[in-house]
Protein backbone atom coordinates (compact mmCIF):
# COMPACT_ATOMS: atom_id res chain seq x y z
CA MET A 1 30.39 -69.59 3.13
CA GLN A 2 30.37 -72.40 5.69
CA THR A 3 27.22 -74.51 6.17
CA GLU A 4 26.07 -75.76 9.57
CA LYS A 5 23.35 -77.91 11.09
CA VAL A 6 20.92 -76.11 13.39
CA MET A 7 18.02 -77.25 15.59
CA ILE A 8 15.16 -74.75 15.58
CA ASP A 9 13.77 -73.93 19.04
CA LYS A 10 10.89 -71.63 18.16
CA VAL A 11 9.45 -69.14 15.67
CA VAL A 12 9.76 -65.49 16.68
CA ALA A 13 8.33 -62.16 15.50
CA GLY A 14 8.78 -61.81 11.76
CA GLY A 15 8.09 -65.53 11.21
CA LEU A 16 11.76 -66.47 11.62
CA GLY A 17 12.95 -69.75 13.09
CA LEU A 18 15.37 -69.28 16.00
CA GLY A 19 18.15 -71.74 16.82
CA ARG A 20 21.79 -71.70 17.89
CA LEU A 21 25.01 -72.39 16.04
CA ALA A 22 27.65 -74.70 17.51
CA ASP A 23 29.41 -71.72 19.12
CA GLY A 24 26.20 -70.64 20.86
CA MET A 25 25.44 -67.74 18.52
CA VAL A 26 21.70 -67.23 17.98
CA VAL A 27 20.70 -67.78 14.36
CA MET A 28 17.54 -66.55 12.60
CA VAL A 29 16.31 -68.56 9.62
CA PRO A 30 13.21 -67.99 7.44
CA TYR A 31 10.87 -70.86 6.50
CA ALA A 32 11.92 -73.06 9.45
CA LEU A 33 9.67 -74.60 12.13
CA PRO A 34 10.22 -75.53 15.79
CA GLY A 35 11.79 -78.94 16.31
CA GLU A 36 13.31 -79.11 12.84
CA GLU A 37 16.93 -79.94 12.18
CA ILE A 38 18.06 -77.89 9.20
CA LEU A 39 21.15 -77.11 7.18
CA VAL A 40 21.88 -73.38 6.92
CA ARG A 41 24.40 -71.01 5.40
CA ALA A 42 25.30 -67.87 7.32
CA LYS A 43 24.48 -64.60 5.53
CA ARG A 44 24.92 -61.64 7.88
CA ARG A 45 26.36 -61.40 11.38
CA LYS A 46 24.64 -58.88 13.63
CA LYS A 47 25.67 -57.80 17.12
CA LYS A 48 23.59 -60.40 18.95
CA TYR A 49 22.58 -62.90 16.27
CA MET A 50 23.31 -64.32 12.84
CA GLU A 51 21.01 -64.24 9.82
CA ALA A 52 21.13 -67.42 7.75
CA GLU A 53 19.42 -68.98 4.75
CA LEU A 54 17.75 -72.38 4.79
CA LEU A 55 19.51 -74.86 2.51
CA GLU A 56 17.83 -78.14 3.46
CA VAL A 57 15.37 -79.52 6.01
CA LEU A 58 17.10 -82.59 7.43
CA LYS A 59 14.40 -83.58 9.93
CA PRO A 60 11.07 -81.88 9.13
CA SER A 61 8.39 -80.91 11.62
CA PRO A 62 5.21 -83.03 11.50
CA HIS A 63 3.42 -79.72 10.90
CA ARG A 64 5.36 -78.94 7.70
CA VAL A 65 3.31 -78.99 4.49
CA GLU A 66 4.05 -78.40 0.82
CA PRO A 67 3.42 -74.68 0.06
CA TYR A 68 0.45 -74.10 -2.20
CA CYS A 69 1.89 -71.16 -4.15
CA PRO A 70 4.68 -71.70 -6.74
CA HIS A 71 6.14 -68.29 -5.82
CA PHE A 72 6.52 -69.13 -2.11
CA GLY A 73 10.03 -68.46 -0.87
CA VAL A 74 10.74 -66.00 -3.68
CA CYS A 75 7.82 -63.60 -3.29
CA GLY A 76 8.22 -61.50 -0.15
CA GLY A 77 4.56 -61.85 0.89
CA CYS A 78 3.80 -65.19 2.57
CA ASP A 79 6.28 -66.60 5.07
CA LEU A 80 4.29 -69.32 6.89
CA GLN A 81 2.75 -71.23 3.99
CA HIS A 82 5.03 -74.17 4.80
CA ALA A 83 3.11 -74.82 8.05
CA GLU A 84 -0.30 -76.41 8.60
CA TYR A 85 -2.84 -73.66 9.12
CA ASP A 86 -3.84 -74.55 12.71
CA TYR A 87 -0.15 -74.65 13.59
CA GLN A 88 0.34 -71.19 12.07
CA VAL A 89 -2.20 -69.84 14.56
CA GLU A 90 -0.43 -71.65 17.41
CA LEU A 91 2.90 -70.12 16.38
CA LYS A 92 1.37 -66.63 16.25
CA GLU A 93 -0.21 -67.00 19.66
CA ASN A 94 3.19 -68.05 21.06
CA ILE A 95 4.74 -64.94 19.47
CA LEU A 96 2.07 -62.73 21.04
CA ARG A 97 2.51 -64.32 24.46
CA GLU A 98 6.29 -63.96 24.28
CA GLN A 99 6.05 -60.30 23.28
CA LEU A 100 3.72 -59.41 26.15
CA VAL A 101 5.49 -61.46 28.84
CA GLY A 102 8.99 -60.63 27.57
CA ALA A 103 8.21 -56.90 27.65
CA LYS A 104 6.96 -57.35 31.24
CA VAL A 105 3.50 -56.13 30.26
CA ILE A 106 1.91 -59.02 32.15
CA ALA A 107 3.06 -62.08 34.07
CA GLU A 108 2.56 -65.43 32.37
CA ALA A 109 0.24 -66.71 35.10
CA GLU A 110 -1.99 -63.62 34.76
CA LEU A 111 -1.95 -63.86 30.97
CA GLU A 112 -3.39 -67.39 31.16
CA LYS A 113 -6.39 -66.05 33.06
CA ILE A 114 -7.42 -63.40 30.53
CA ILE A 115 -6.32 -64.56 27.07
CA GLU A 116 -9.21 -65.85 24.97
CA ARG A 117 -9.13 -68.57 22.34
CA PRO A 118 -7.68 -67.23 19.05
CA LEU A 119 -10.03 -66.41 16.20
CA SER A 120 -8.69 -68.62 13.39
CA ALA A 121 -9.66 -67.66 9.84
CA PRO A 122 -12.51 -69.65 8.21
CA GLN A 123 -10.68 -69.23 4.88
CA PRO A 124 -6.88 -69.61 5.07
CA PHE A 125 -6.73 -68.78 1.35
CA GLY A 126 -8.79 -66.51 -0.92
CA TYR A 127 -9.51 -63.98 1.82
CA ARG A 128 -7.91 -60.71 0.69
CA GLN A 129 -10.39 -58.03 -0.42
CA ARG A 130 -7.62 -55.93 -1.89
CA LEU A 131 -4.25 -56.60 -3.45
CA ARG A 132 -1.46 -54.10 -4.12
CA LEU A 133 1.05 -55.14 -6.77
CA GLN A 134 4.38 -53.58 -7.69
CA VAL A 135 5.02 -52.76 -11.35
CA ASP A 136 8.49 -52.77 -12.92
CA LYS A 137 9.66 -50.46 -15.72
CA ASN A 138 8.66 -53.02 -18.34
CA GLY A 139 5.06 -53.16 -17.12
CA GLY A 140 5.50 -56.51 -15.35
CA TYR A 141 3.51 -56.77 -12.13
CA GLY A 142 3.76 -58.82 -8.97
CA PHE A 143 5.31 -58.60 -5.51
CA PHE A 144 8.76 -57.56 -4.41
CA ARG A 145 11.00 -60.56 -3.97
CA ASN A 146 12.12 -61.32 -0.44
CA LEU A 147 14.56 -58.62 0.82
CA SER A 148 14.63 -57.05 -2.66
CA HIS A 149 13.04 -54.43 -4.88
CA ASP A 150 13.01 -56.78 -7.86
CA VAL A 151 9.48 -57.71 -8.92
CA GLU A 152 8.44 -61.36 -8.89
CA GLU A 153 5.79 -61.45 -11.61
CA ILE A 154 2.58 -63.34 -10.86
CA GLU A 155 -0.56 -64.35 -12.74
CA SER A 156 -2.64 -64.89 -9.61
CA CYS A 157 -2.32 -64.83 -5.80
CA PRO A 158 -3.85 -67.61 -3.67
CA LEU A 159 -4.54 -65.13 -0.85
CA ALA A 160 -6.75 -62.92 -3.04
CA MET A 161 -10.50 -63.21 -3.49
CA PRO A 162 -11.42 -65.12 -6.69
CA GLU A 163 -12.76 -62.01 -8.44
CA ILE A 164 -9.42 -60.26 -7.94
CA ASN A 165 -7.62 -63.16 -9.61
CA THR A 166 -10.18 -63.15 -12.42
CA VAL A 167 -9.36 -59.53 -13.25
CA LEU A 168 -5.65 -60.06 -12.65
CA GLY A 169 -5.60 -62.78 -15.28
CA LYS A 170 -7.23 -60.47 -17.83
CA LEU A 171 -4.97 -57.43 -17.44
CA PRO A 172 -2.70 -58.45 -20.36
CA THR A 173 -5.72 -58.64 -22.72
CA SER A 174 -6.32 -54.87 -22.57
CA GLU A 175 -4.09 -52.60 -24.69
CA ALA A 176 -5.25 -49.62 -22.64
CA MET A 177 -4.20 -51.39 -19.45
CA SER A 178 -0.83 -52.25 -20.97
CA HIS A 179 -0.33 -48.53 -21.70
CA LEU A 180 -1.03 -47.66 -18.07
CA LEU A 181 1.13 -50.46 -16.66
CA GLY A 182 4.03 -49.15 -18.73
CA LEU A 183 3.78 -45.91 -16.71
CA ALA A 184 2.87 -47.41 -13.35
CA ARG A 185 4.79 -48.22 -10.20
CA GLU A 186 1.83 -49.88 -8.43
CA VAL A 187 -1.58 -51.24 -9.27
CA GLU A 188 -4.15 -51.92 -6.57
CA LEU A 189 -7.13 -54.22 -7.13
CA LEU A 190 -10.07 -53.79 -4.77
CA ALA A 191 -13.09 -56.08 -4.65
CA SER A 192 -16.53 -54.61 -3.98
CA PRO A 193 -18.46 -57.69 -2.76
CA GLY A 194 -21.65 -55.69 -2.21
CA ASP A 195 -22.19 -55.38 -5.97
CA ASN A 196 -19.79 -58.08 -7.23
CA SER A 197 -17.51 -55.58 -8.95
CA MET A 198 -13.93 -54.36 -8.87
CA ILE A 199 -12.08 -51.05 -8.75
CA LEU A 200 -8.49 -50.48 -9.87
CA ILE A 201 -6.16 -47.78 -8.56
CA ILE A 202 -3.09 -47.26 -10.72
CA ARG A 203 -0.25 -45.24 -9.21
CA LEU A 204 1.84 -43.71 -11.96
CA ARG A 205 5.47 -42.59 -11.92
CA ARG A 206 4.38 -39.14 -13.15
CA LYS A 207 1.26 -36.97 -13.15
CA PRO A 208 -1.65 -38.44 -15.14
CA ARG A 209 -2.27 -36.89 -18.58
CA PRO A 210 -5.44 -36.74 -20.71
CA THR A 211 -4.27 -39.75 -22.75
CA ASP A 212 -3.88 -41.70 -19.50
CA ALA A 213 -7.42 -40.77 -18.43
CA LYS A 214 -8.74 -41.98 -21.78
CA ALA A 215 -6.81 -45.24 -21.39
CA ALA A 216 -8.20 -45.69 -17.87
CA GLY A 217 -11.74 -45.37 -19.17
CA GLN A 218 -11.02 -47.84 -21.95
CA ALA A 219 -9.47 -50.28 -19.48
CA ALA A 220 -12.68 -50.17 -17.41
CA ASP A 221 -14.58 -51.06 -20.60
CA ASP A 222 -12.17 -53.84 -21.52
CA LEU A 223 -12.07 -55.66 -18.18
CA ASP A 224 -15.13 -57.53 -16.97
CA LEU A 225 -16.11 -56.85 -13.33
CA VAL A 226 -14.13 -53.56 -13.29
CA LYS A 227 -16.58 -50.70 -12.80
CA ALA A 228 -13.97 -47.94 -12.50
CA VAL A 229 -10.29 -47.12 -12.74
CA TYR A 230 -8.58 -44.39 -10.70
CA LEU A 231 -5.21 -42.79 -11.38
CA ALA A 232 -2.80 -41.42 -8.81
CA ALA A 233 0.73 -40.06 -8.58
CA ASP A 234 2.98 -39.28 -5.62
CA GLY A 235 1.88 -36.09 -3.89
CA GLU A 236 -1.20 -35.75 -6.10
CA GLN A 237 -4.87 -36.23 -5.29
CA ILE A 238 -6.37 -39.42 -6.66
CA GLN A 239 -8.12 -38.82 -10.02
CA GLY A 240 -11.25 -40.53 -11.29
CA PRO A 241 -13.30 -42.55 -11.42
CA TYR A 242 -12.80 -43.29 -15.11
CA CYS A 243 -15.71 -45.34 -16.36
CA GLY A 244 -15.81 -46.05 -20.08
CA SER A 245 -14.23 -43.18 -22.01
CA LEU A 246 -15.67 -40.44 -19.77
CA LEU A 247 -14.47 -38.91 -16.53
CA ALA A 248 -17.20 -38.86 -13.90
CA SER A 249 -17.76 -35.69 -11.94
CA GLU A 250 -16.42 -35.38 -8.42
CA ASP A 251 -19.84 -36.00 -6.88
CA GLU A 252 -20.34 -39.09 -9.01
CA GLY A 253 -16.90 -40.23 -7.95
CA ARG A 254 -17.83 -39.97 -4.31
CA SER A 255 -20.96 -42.04 -4.84
CA LEU A 256 -19.01 -44.77 -6.63
CA LEU A 257 -18.01 -46.60 -3.49
CA LEU A 258 -16.60 -49.95 -2.60
CA LEU A 259 -19.49 -51.78 -0.96
CA LEU A 260 -18.63 -54.08 1.93
CA PRO A 261 -21.61 -56.13 3.17
CA PHE A 262 -21.91 -57.32 6.78
CA PRO A 263 -24.21 -60.12 7.93
CA ALA A 264 -26.69 -59.80 10.78
CA ILE A 265 -25.29 -60.00 14.30
CA GLN A 266 -28.35 -61.64 15.78
CA ASN A 267 -27.17 -61.90 19.37
CA HIS A 268 -26.79 -58.11 19.37
CA GLY A 269 -29.93 -57.33 17.40
CA ILE A 270 -28.08 -55.81 14.43
CA ALA A 271 -29.65 -56.38 11.01
CA PRO A 272 -27.48 -56.91 7.89
CA TYR A 273 -25.87 -53.68 6.72
CA THR A 274 -23.40 -52.43 4.11
CA LEU A 275 -20.55 -49.98 4.54
CA GLY A 276 -19.41 -47.91 1.59
CA GLN A 277 -15.84 -46.75 1.18
CA GLU A 278 -14.27 -44.36 -1.28
CA ALA A 279 -11.41 -45.69 -3.36
CA GLY A 280 -8.12 -45.04 -1.60
CA GLY A 281 -9.59 -45.35 1.89
CA PHE A 282 -8.63 -47.97 4.47
CA SER A 283 -10.51 -51.16 5.24
CA GLN A 284 -9.45 -54.49 6.72
CA VAL A 285 -8.35 -56.87 3.97
CA ASN A 286 -10.03 -59.92 5.52
CA LEU A 287 -13.76 -59.22 5.64
CA GLN A 288 -14.74 -62.44 7.43
CA GLN A 289 -12.24 -61.89 10.22
CA ASN A 290 -13.21 -58.24 10.44
CA GLU A 291 -16.83 -59.30 11.01
CA ARG A 292 -15.77 -61.67 13.79
CA MET A 293 -13.66 -58.95 15.38
CA ILE A 294 -16.67 -56.59 15.37
CA GLU A 295 -18.80 -59.27 17.01
CA THR A 296 -16.13 -59.80 19.69
CA LEU A 297 -16.00 -56.04 20.26
CA LEU A 298 -19.77 -55.95 20.79
CA ASP A 299 -19.59 -58.95 23.13
CA TRP A 300 -17.04 -57.11 25.27
CA VAL A 301 -18.96 -53.83 25.22
CA GLU A 302 -22.14 -55.66 26.29
CA GLU A 303 -20.45 -56.36 29.63
CA LEU A 304 -19.14 -52.82 30.13
CA PRO A 305 -20.80 -49.79 31.78
CA ALA A 306 -20.20 -47.65 28.69
CA LYS A 307 -22.61 -45.16 27.16
CA ARG A 308 -20.40 -42.74 25.21
CA GLY A 309 -17.61 -43.88 22.91
CA LEU A 310 -14.72 -42.19 21.13
CA ASP A 311 -13.26 -43.95 18.07
CA LEU A 312 -9.91 -42.24 17.54
CA PHE A 313 -8.84 -43.93 14.29
CA GLY A 314 -12.36 -44.29 12.94
CA GLY A 315 -11.92 -44.60 9.17
CA MET A 316 -15.20 -45.22 7.36
CA GLY A 317 -16.97 -46.25 10.57
CA ASN A 318 -16.00 -49.92 10.60
CA PHE A 319 -16.33 -50.05 14.40
CA ALA A 320 -18.33 -46.88 15.08
CA ILE A 321 -21.39 -47.91 13.03
CA PRO A 322 -22.06 -51.23 14.83
CA LEU A 323 -20.91 -49.73 18.15
CA ALA A 324 -23.61 -47.08 17.83
CA ALA A 325 -26.19 -49.84 18.26
CA LYS A 326 -24.88 -50.47 21.79
CA LEU A 327 -23.98 -46.97 23.03
CA ASN A 328 -25.91 -43.74 23.41
CA GLU A 329 -23.34 -41.81 21.36
CA VAL A 330 -20.23 -42.52 19.29
CA VAL A 331 -17.79 -39.90 18.00
CA GLY A 332 -15.34 -40.97 15.28
CA LEU A 333 -12.13 -39.18 14.28
CA ASP A 334 -9.98 -39.60 11.20
CA LEU A 335 -7.55 -37.38 9.33
CA GLN A 336 -8.57 -38.51 5.85
CA ARG A 337 -11.37 -36.48 4.23
CA ALA A 338 -12.57 -39.47 2.18
CA ALA A 339 -12.88 -41.57 5.33
CA ILE A 340 -15.02 -38.94 7.08
CA ARG A 341 -17.26 -38.55 4.02
CA SER A 342 -17.71 -42.32 3.87
CA ALA A 343 -18.40 -42.59 7.62
CA GLU A 344 -21.01 -39.84 7.54
CA ARG A 345 -22.74 -41.44 4.57
CA ASN A 346 -22.63 -44.87 6.20
CA ALA A 347 -24.25 -43.53 9.37
CA GLU A 348 -26.93 -41.77 7.33
CA ILE A 349 -27.73 -44.89 5.30
CA ALA A 350 -27.87 -46.94 8.51
CA GLY A 351 -30.35 -44.43 9.95
CA LEU A 352 -28.12 -43.59 12.90
CA SER A 353 -28.50 -40.23 14.60
CA ASN A 354 -26.13 -40.95 17.52
CA CYS A 355 -22.94 -40.97 15.41
CA SER A 356 -20.79 -37.99 14.49
CA PHE A 357 -17.48 -37.86 12.64
CA ILE A 358 -14.75 -35.22 12.78
CA ARG A 359 -11.75 -34.75 10.51
CA LYS A 360 -8.95 -34.49 13.05
CA SER A 361 -5.91 -36.47 14.14
CA ALA A 362 -6.29 -38.78 17.12
CA VAL A 363 -3.89 -36.84 19.33
CA ASP A 364 -5.32 -33.41 18.46
CA GLY A 365 -8.84 -34.69 18.97
CA ILE A 366 -8.32 -36.26 22.38
CA LYS A 367 -6.39 -33.19 23.58
CA GLU A 368 -9.21 -30.87 22.48
CA PHE A 369 -11.92 -33.05 24.03
CA GLY A 370 -9.97 -33.12 27.29
CA ALA A 371 -9.48 -29.35 27.30
CA ALA A 372 -13.21 -28.88 26.74
CA GLY A 373 -14.12 -31.22 29.61
CA ASP A 374 -15.70 -33.84 27.33
CA VAL A 375 -15.95 -37.22 29.06
CA PHE A 376 -16.12 -40.65 27.36
CA ASP A 377 -16.73 -44.06 28.94
CA LEU A 378 -14.97 -45.95 26.16
CA VAL A 379 -12.09 -45.11 23.82
CA LEU A 380 -11.42 -47.33 20.82
CA LEU A 381 -7.87 -47.36 19.43
CA ASP A 382 -7.13 -48.95 16.04
CA PRO A 383 -3.88 -47.22 15.07
CA PRO A 384 -1.47 -48.00 12.22
CA ARG A 385 1.50 -50.29 12.81
CA ARG A 386 3.50 -47.59 14.62
CA GLY A 387 0.96 -47.62 17.47
CA CYS A 388 -0.37 -44.60 19.34
CA ARG A 389 2.09 -43.72 22.08
CA GLU A 390 1.32 -40.00 21.58
CA VAL A 391 -2.35 -40.53 22.50
CA VAL A 392 -1.81 -42.43 25.76
CA PRO A 393 -0.96 -39.43 28.03
CA PHE A 394 -4.30 -37.78 27.23
CA LEU A 395 -6.64 -40.65 28.12
CA ASP A 396 -7.03 -39.34 31.67
CA GLY A 397 -8.23 -36.02 30.29
CA VAL A 398 -11.39 -37.58 28.85
CA GLY A 399 -12.47 -39.31 32.05
CA ASN A 400 -10.24 -42.37 32.53
CA PRO A 401 -12.24 -44.35 29.96
CA LEU A 402 -12.28 -48.06 29.32
CA VAL A 403 -9.97 -48.74 26.36
CA ILE A 404 -10.26 -51.29 23.58
CA TYR A 405 -7.07 -51.39 21.52
CA VAL A 406 -6.87 -53.16 18.15
CA SER A 407 -3.25 -53.68 17.09
CA CYS A 408 -1.48 -55.11 14.05
CA ASP A 409 1.94 -55.10 15.73
CA PRO A 410 2.51 -56.89 19.08
CA ALA A 411 5.72 -54.92 19.72
CA THR A 412 4.10 -51.47 19.57
CA LEU A 413 1.07 -52.85 21.42
CA ALA A 414 3.30 -54.00 24.28
CA ARG A 415 5.08 -50.64 24.33
CA ASP A 416 1.80 -48.68 24.47
CA ILE A 417 0.29 -50.93 27.14
CA LYS A 418 3.36 -50.35 29.33
CA GLU A 419 2.84 -46.60 28.96
CA MET A 420 -0.82 -46.99 29.90
CA ALA A 421 0.13 -49.07 32.94
CA LYS A 422 2.00 -46.05 34.30
CA ASN A 423 -1.38 -44.30 34.47
CA GLY A 424 -3.09 -47.20 36.21
CA TYR A 425 -4.46 -49.18 33.28
CA ALA A 426 -4.48 -52.99 33.42
CA LEU A 427 -5.21 -55.70 30.86
CA LYS A 428 -8.57 -57.42 31.30
CA LYS A 429 -9.05 -59.32 28.01
CA ILE A 430 -6.77 -60.36 25.12
CA ILE A 431 -7.63 -62.14 21.89
CA LEU A 432 -5.57 -62.91 18.80
CA VAL A 433 -7.39 -62.45 15.48
CA ASP A 434 -5.70 -64.20 12.55
CA MET A 435 -6.38 -61.53 9.96
CA PHE A 436 -3.51 -62.54 7.67
CA PRO A 437 -3.21 -66.35 7.21
CA GLN A 438 -0.03 -67.68 5.56
CA THR A 439 1.95 -64.69 6.88
CA HIS A 440 3.55 -63.89 10.24
CA HIS A 441 1.32 -60.82 10.68
CA LEU A 442 -1.32 -60.94 13.39
CA GLU A 443 -4.05 -58.74 14.79
CA THR A 444 -4.65 -58.44 18.53
CA MET A 445 -7.57 -56.93 20.41
CA VAL A 446 -7.23 -56.06 24.10
CA LEU A 447 -9.43 -54.51 26.76
CA LEU A 448 -7.87 -52.28 29.42
CA THR A 449 -9.46 -50.67 32.44
CA LYS A 450 -8.27 -48.35 35.18
């Protein structure tokens, strides 16, 4: 196909460079930076734009750097490793601004008044507390290649914590692990920094059998740092933990938690604490940035007239536990049983009596609280990528609360804020949290009031 020179104007959502072809057609190109002149080859023509591949950088940006990882550009994970880290954060903030202003959520002049300085990551590499790898039919493991389901095999990942890479490098030394990888479609490595250990979750292509359980126990014996291996299959409950050659009982399994330590938050009078999480539950992958986000949350709440909080996507209590130190009462909701068990245990260990946790979906919970006349001063929203449009209509029913919304997708955030604006909510604070350095993904926290 024909090649063409393109000048890149900006980087847009998805980490793609945007420029224009000679005929005026918008072109989207991965791995390109603003101000660069590049040579591209067209790949796919869409209705309003063209997708192209980068062939050569003719005039590089002063912010371009040599990618650290040898798999960059092939692996479908990182897509900003070719940019200086501080510039990555600048690009992400521009994407966030464009999403909010472009969706007419807020005028640019108003945005300037309320947006806070981004929280850049202290560690641009080595930050991931968990890593999920794809496994091919030959037992090779790595990440899907860009726009493909072919596995790019890796020996280590520069985004992962060092202990994850230590175990990753030793997987081939265990015959038991090789047996399991031959049956697996995914393997997840989770660091437990609170006791300097690791847990593996292996998702098989079929139901686990007794021989697989025995192999899982042996793999835990074979691999230093690994304290347990769990097995899972589609549609089946997670099985384990397998520790040595024996299967622990269910109660023992529940006590074998991932331990995530948090430092003291001195300006809020919170002593160091540890949250435990059952294997298979959700936690933020970047613990340092999660800590800074919690501190920002507490800073905001300090200024608010809030006494009773509702955490609608509460998980293991990541926000509810520290929030309970500032409010009279916090109620957390989550649909996952393991998350509720972990949250209740975390509150008990922390000695908190003003926390309660309910296994219920966010939308069912807020509807029921509204119907019962329950009133909250603050609602915390930390939904999955799809956002929480279904929750928004029921905020009025629980007393027109202040809302703090943590989002991992600026597009669904903008959509949900527009829905909230129809009910009189307005943005008061916005901050970008760079939870995922080297990638286009970004976390945003906003405060809205009636």
